[in-house]
Amino acid sequence: MLEKQIDTFKKYRFLLRELVKKGIKLKYRRSYLGILWTLLEPLLTTCVLTLVFGTFFGKDDKTFPVYILTGRLLYSFFSSGTKFAMKSIRQHAGMIKKVYVPKYIYPLSSVLYNFVIFAISLIVLLGATIVFKVYPNVWCITAIIPLVLLFLLTLGVGMILSTMSVFFRDLEYLWDVALMLIMYTCAIFYKVDTMAKTGHAWIFKLNPLYAIIKCFRDAVYGNSMFADPFWVIMPTVVSVLSVIVGVALFKKHQDNFILHI
């Protein structure tokens, strides 16, 4: 069964590649700046967040813009990746009705092209670390771990949402609200220490995306993310489970998509 799935994937890998290219082109189709906006947008957003929140939360931290940027970039990928994956089946309804293509190709391509854009935007983070003198060391290599977990979590959640949204159209609006809640519990523009004083720090232990962001920040700042194994184990378990549940749910209901799109 697994060999059959691998053969099917190999057969349609060209289509997957073309869908990724198409997604990137469509995103910047009417933009004069094009792919350059991938670099400017997080930079400008970080400047605004630093000006607004730096006085309150980061006045004693000269590297606060790097702190914001690490959280902003990872959250933005999760947000855009899951939203585009959620809409992918309905957006390709015409193709699904006309020709046979493994339907998982659509949410997968949505997550992949958003990951490519995200990877390009990391250039801004590299520049910020140089400007604000956040010098790398051997622990920077471990940044690949949270990035892999981020991709898996986004793909898993995206697969779940893409399945459910076919049958429940209002999910798109509910997910926007959920993303807002997730954003505020990711400590993007404030330090977790400020929440610890209020006794609400336990909230962060429920958010796997925050755990991934924390691990990534540790790597960028040259610290070991393994000091407290919980912050690595928890998002690993949740990310892998999300993919398993997402694939299983998608496979169970994919034959009924044609009746609802």
Protein backbone atom coordinates (compact mmCIF):
# COMPACT_ATOMS: atom_id res chain seq x y z
CA MET A 1 0.00 0.00 0.00
CA LEU A 2 2.80 2.38 0.92
CA GLU A 3 4.69 1.53 -2.29
CA LYS A 4 1.56 2.32 -4.29
CA GLN A 5 1.25 5.72 -2.61
CA ILE A 6 4.93 6.46 -3.30
CA ASP A 7 4.52 5.48 -6.95
CA THR A 8 1.46 7.73 -7.23
CA PHE A 9 3.37 10.62 -5.69
CA LYS A 10 6.25 10.14 -8.12
CA LYS A 11 3.80 10.05 -11.01
CA TYR A 12 2.27 13.40 -10.07
CA ARG A 13 5.35 15.17 -8.69
CA PHE A 14 5.53 17.29 -11.85
CA LEU A 15 1.99 18.56 -11.19
CA LEU A 16 2.92 19.30 -7.59
CA ARG A 17 5.90 21.33 -8.76
CA GLU A 18 3.74 23.26 -11.24
CA LEU A 19 1.10 23.99 -8.59
CA VAL A 20 3.79 25.36 -6.28
CA LYS A 21 5.09 27.61 -9.07
CA LYS A 22 1.55 28.70 -9.90
CA GLY A 23 0.83 29.55 -6.26
CA ILE A 24 3.91 31.76 -6.00
CA LYS A 25 3.14 33.53 -9.28
CA LEU A 26 -0.50 34.15 -8.37
CA LYS A 27 0.43 35.56 -4.99
CA TYR A 28 2.44 38.33 -6.62
CA ARG A 29 0.57 38.56 -9.93
CA ARG A 30 -0.59 42.16 -9.48
CA SER A 31 2.23 43.35 -7.28
CA TYR A 32 4.82 45.78 -8.64
CA LEU A 33 7.31 44.67 -6.00
CA GLY A 34 6.72 40.98 -6.68
CA ILE A 35 8.83 38.60 -4.64
CA LEU A 36 10.61 41.61 -3.10
CA TRP A 37 7.49 42.16 -0.98
CA THR A 38 8.33 38.85 0.75
CA LEU A 39 11.33 40.66 2.21
CA LEU A 40 9.78 44.07 2.75
CA GLU A 41 6.55 42.97 4.44
CA PRO A 42 8.09 41.26 7.51
CA LEU A 43 10.68 44.04 7.76
CA LEU A 44 8.05 46.80 7.80
CA THR A 45 5.80 44.85 10.16
CA THR A 46 8.69 44.28 12.55
CA CYS A 47 9.49 48.00 12.50
CA VAL A 48 5.90 48.85 13.42
CA LEU A 49 5.69 46.22 16.18
CA THR A 50 9.04 47.32 17.58
CA LEU A 51 7.92 50.95 17.69
CA VAL A 52 4.58 50.08 19.29
CA PHE A 53 5.62 47.37 21.75
CA GLY A 54 9.35 47.95 22.14
CA THR A 55 8.78 50.71 24.69
CA PHE A 56 6.72 48.41 26.90
CA PHE A 57 8.33 45.00 26.49
CA GLY A 58 11.75 45.43 24.92
CA LYS A 59 13.21 48.71 26.08
CA ASP A 60 16.11 46.92 27.82
CA ASP A 61 16.74 44.51 24.95
CA LYS A 62 18.67 45.86 21.98
CA THR A 63 17.91 42.66 20.03
CA PHE A 64 14.14 43.00 20.48
CA PRO A 65 13.52 43.40 16.70
CA VAL A 66 15.12 39.97 16.16
CA TYR A 67 12.87 38.54 18.88
CA ILE A 68 9.79 39.95 17.12
CA LEU A 69 10.93 38.87 13.67
CA THR A 70 11.50 35.23 14.65
CA GLY A 71 7.97 34.97 15.98
CA ARG A 72 6.41 37.01 13.18
CA LEU A 73 7.92 34.97 10.35
CA LEU A 74 7.00 31.56 11.78
CA TYR A 75 3.48 32.59 12.72
CA SER A 76 2.90 34.17 9.29
CA PHE A 77 3.84 30.94 7.54
CA PHE A 78 1.56 28.88 9.78
CA SER A 79 -1.30 31.34 9.25
CA SER A 80 -0.98 31.63 5.46
CA GLY A 81 -0.14 27.94 4.96
CA THR A 82 -3.19 26.69 6.84
CA LYS A 83 -5.55 29.24 5.26
CA PHE A 84 -4.47 28.49 1.71
CA ALA A 85 -4.56 24.74 2.35
CA MET A 86 -8.07 25.08 3.78
CA LYS A 87 -9.30 26.71 0.56
CA SER A 88 -7.32 24.50 -1.82
CA ILE A 89 -9.96 21.83 -2.54
CA ARG A 90 -12.72 24.31 -3.33
CA GLN A 91 -10.38 26.49 -5.39
CA HIS A 92 -9.48 23.55 -7.61
CA ALA A 93 -13.04 22.23 -7.86
CA GLY A 94 -13.01 22.55 -11.66
CA MET A 95 -9.92 20.40 -12.05
CA ILE A 96 -11.13 17.85 -9.51
CA LYS A 97 -14.38 17.40 -11.44
CA LYS A 98 -12.66 16.96 -14.81
CA VAL A 99 -9.54 14.86 -14.27
CA TYR A 100 -8.22 12.44 -11.71
CA VAL A 101 -5.43 13.80 -9.57
CA PRO A 102 -4.60 12.68 -6.02
CA LYS A 103 -6.50 15.30 -4.07
CA TYR A 104 -3.88 15.64 -1.35
CA ILE A 105 -1.71 17.34 -3.99
CA TYR A 106 -3.74 20.54 -3.58
CA PRO A 107 -3.32 21.22 0.17
CA LEU A 108 0.25 19.92 -0.01
CA SER A 109 1.14 22.35 -2.81
CA SER A 110 -0.48 25.21 -0.87
CA VAL A 111 1.70 24.53 2.16
CA LEU A 112 4.80 24.00 0.01
CA TYR A 113 4.64 27.26 -1.93
CA ASN A 114 3.99 29.19 1.26
CA PHE A 115 7.01 27.45 2.79
CA VAL A 116 9.14 28.55 -0.19
CA ILE A 117 8.04 32.16 0.35
CA PHE A 118 8.72 31.78 4.07
CA ALA A 119 12.20 30.40 3.37
CA ILE A 120 12.97 33.43 1.19
CA SER A 121 11.80 35.78 3.95
CA LEU A 122 14.38 34.27 6.32
CA ILE A 123 16.92 36.42 4.46
CA VAL A 124 15.46 39.37 6.38
CA LEU A 125 16.07 37.54 9.66
CA LEU A 126 19.66 36.85 8.67
CA GLY A 127 20.16 40.55 7.98
CA ALA A 128 18.53 41.50 11.29
CA THR A 129 20.86 39.21 13.26
CA ILE A 130 23.84 40.95 11.66
CA VAL A 131 22.50 44.47 12.27
CA PHE A 132 21.56 43.80 15.90
CA LYS A 133 24.66 41.70 16.59
CA VAL A 134 23.01 38.38 17.36
CA TYR A 135 26.01 36.30 16.48
CA PRO A 136 25.55 32.61 15.55
CA ASN A 137 27.21 29.64 17.20
CA VAL A 138 26.98 25.87 16.88
CA TRP A 139 23.40 25.80 18.23
CA CYS A 140 22.15 27.68 15.15
CA ILE A 141 22.34 24.38 13.27
CA THR A 142 19.48 23.06 15.41
CA ALA A 143 17.13 25.66 13.85
CA ILE A 144 16.31 23.01 11.25
CA ILE A 145 14.38 21.06 13.92
CA PRO A 146 11.69 23.69 14.63
CA LEU A 147 11.48 24.48 10.92
CA VAL A 148 10.70 20.85 10.10
CA LEU A 149 8.18 20.70 12.95
CA LEU A 150 6.60 23.94 11.72
CA PHE A 151 6.15 22.47 8.24
CA LEU A 152 4.63 19.25 9.62
CA LEU A 153 2.27 21.11 11.95
CA THR A 154 1.13 23.43 9.16
CA LEU A 155 0.63 20.51 6.78
CA GLY A 156 -1.27 18.45 9.35
CA VAL A 157 -3.57 21.28 10.38
CA GLY A 158 -3.94 22.29 6.73
CA MET A 159 -5.07 18.78 5.76
CA ILE A 160 -7.62 18.74 8.57
CA LEU A 161 -8.97 22.17 7.63
CA SER A 162 -9.06 21.39 3.90
CA THR A 163 -11.23 18.37 4.63
CA MET A 164 -13.58 20.03 7.08
CA SER A 165 -14.03 23.21 5.04
CA VAL A 166 -15.49 21.25 2.12
CA PHE A 167 -18.45 20.32 4.32
CA PHE A 168 -18.50 23.37 6.63
CA ARG A 169 -17.93 26.57 4.65
CA ASP A 170 -18.13 28.79 7.75
CA LEU A 171 -14.94 27.19 9.04
CA GLU A 172 -12.99 29.78 7.08
CA TYR A 173 -14.33 32.57 9.31
CA LEU A 174 -13.95 30.58 12.50
CA TRP A 175 -10.32 29.81 11.66
CA ASP A 176 -9.57 33.53 11.32
CA VAL A 177 -10.75 33.98 14.90
CA ALA A 178 -8.75 30.96 16.04
CA LEU A 179 -5.62 32.33 14.35
CA MET A 180 -6.01 35.58 16.26
CA LEU A 181 -6.12 33.64 19.53
CA ILE A 182 -3.11 31.56 18.47
CA MET A 183 -1.17 34.71 17.56
CA TYR A 184 -1.67 36.29 20.98
CA THR A 185 -0.48 33.09 22.69
CA CYS A 186 2.69 32.87 20.58
CA ALA A 187 4.51 35.70 22.41
CA ILE A 188 5.42 37.37 19.13
CA PHE A 189 5.79 40.92 20.45
CA TYR A 190 6.12 40.41 24.21
CA LYS A 191 8.29 38.34 26.52
CA VAL A 192 6.81 35.33 28.27
CA ASP A 193 8.33 36.56 31.54
CA THR A 194 5.71 39.30 31.62
CA MET A 195 2.95 36.68 31.61
CA ALA A 196 4.70 34.54 34.22
CA LYS A 197 4.18 37.33 36.75
CA THR A 198 0.42 37.10 36.25
CA GLY A 199 0.33 33.34 36.72
CA HIS A 200 -0.87 32.65 33.17
CA ALA A 201 2.35 31.23 31.73
CA TRP A 202 0.74 27.76 31.61
CA ILE A 203 -1.19 28.92 28.53
CA PHE A 204 1.98 28.72 26.43
CA LYS A 205 2.41 25.05 27.25
CA LEU A 206 -0.86 24.39 25.40
CA ASN A 207 0.31 26.04 22.19
CA PRO A 208 2.60 23.86 20.04
CA LEU A 209 3.25 26.78 17.68
CA TYR A 210 4.67 28.82 20.55
CA ALA A 211 6.89 25.87 21.49
CA ILE A 212 8.22 25.76 17.92
CA ILE A 213 8.82 29.51 17.93
CA LYS A 214 10.61 29.23 21.28
CA CYS A 215 12.89 26.47 19.96
CA PHE A 216 13.64 28.51 16.84
CA ARG A 217 14.44 31.59 18.93
CA ASP A 218 16.78 29.53 21.10
CA ALA A 219 18.63 28.39 17.99
CA VAL A 220 18.84 31.90 16.52
CA TYR A 221 20.13 33.34 19.78
CA GLY A 222 22.65 30.54 20.09
CA ASN A 223 21.04 28.75 23.03
CA SER A 224 20.23 25.07 23.48
CA MET A 225 16.58 24.23 22.91
CA PHE A 226 17.11 20.96 24.79
CA ALA A 227 17.59 22.62 28.19
CA ASP A 228 13.94 21.81 28.89
CA PRO A 229 13.00 18.75 26.74
CA PHE A 230 9.28 19.54 27.07
CA TRP A 231 9.53 22.37 24.52
CA VAL A 232 10.92 19.96 21.92
CA ILE A 233 8.95 16.81 22.75
CA MET A 234 5.52 18.45 22.94
CA PRO A 235 5.53 20.12 19.49
CA THR A 236 7.13 17.03 17.96
CA VAL A 237 4.32 14.80 19.21
CA VAL A 238 1.60 17.29 18.23
CA SER A 239 3.09 17.93 14.78
CA VAL A 240 3.41 14.24 13.92
CA LEU A 241 -0.06 13.48 15.28
CA SER A 242 -1.56 16.36 13.28
CA VAL A 243 -0.14 14.89 10.06
CA ILE A 244 -1.41 11.40 10.90
CA VAL A 245 -4.89 12.68 11.80
CA GLY A 246 -4.95 15.05 8.82
CA VAL A 247 -4.00 12.36 6.30
CA ALA A 248 -6.42 9.82 7.80
CA LEU A 249 -9.31 12.31 7.85
CA PHE A 250 -8.56 13.50 4.33
CA LYS A 251 -8.34 9.97 2.96
CA LYS A 252 -11.59 8.95 4.64
CA HIS A 253 -13.64 11.80 3.16
CA GLN A 254 -11.91 12.64 -0.13
CA ASP A 255 -14.30 10.53 -2.23
CA ASN A 256 -17.21 12.68 -1.02
CA PHE A 257 -15.57 15.99 -1.98
CA ILE A 258 -17.08 15.86 -5.45
CA LEU A 259 -20.58 16.00 -3.93
CA HIS A 260 -19.96 19.22 -2.02
CA ILE A 261 -17.64 21.40 -4.11
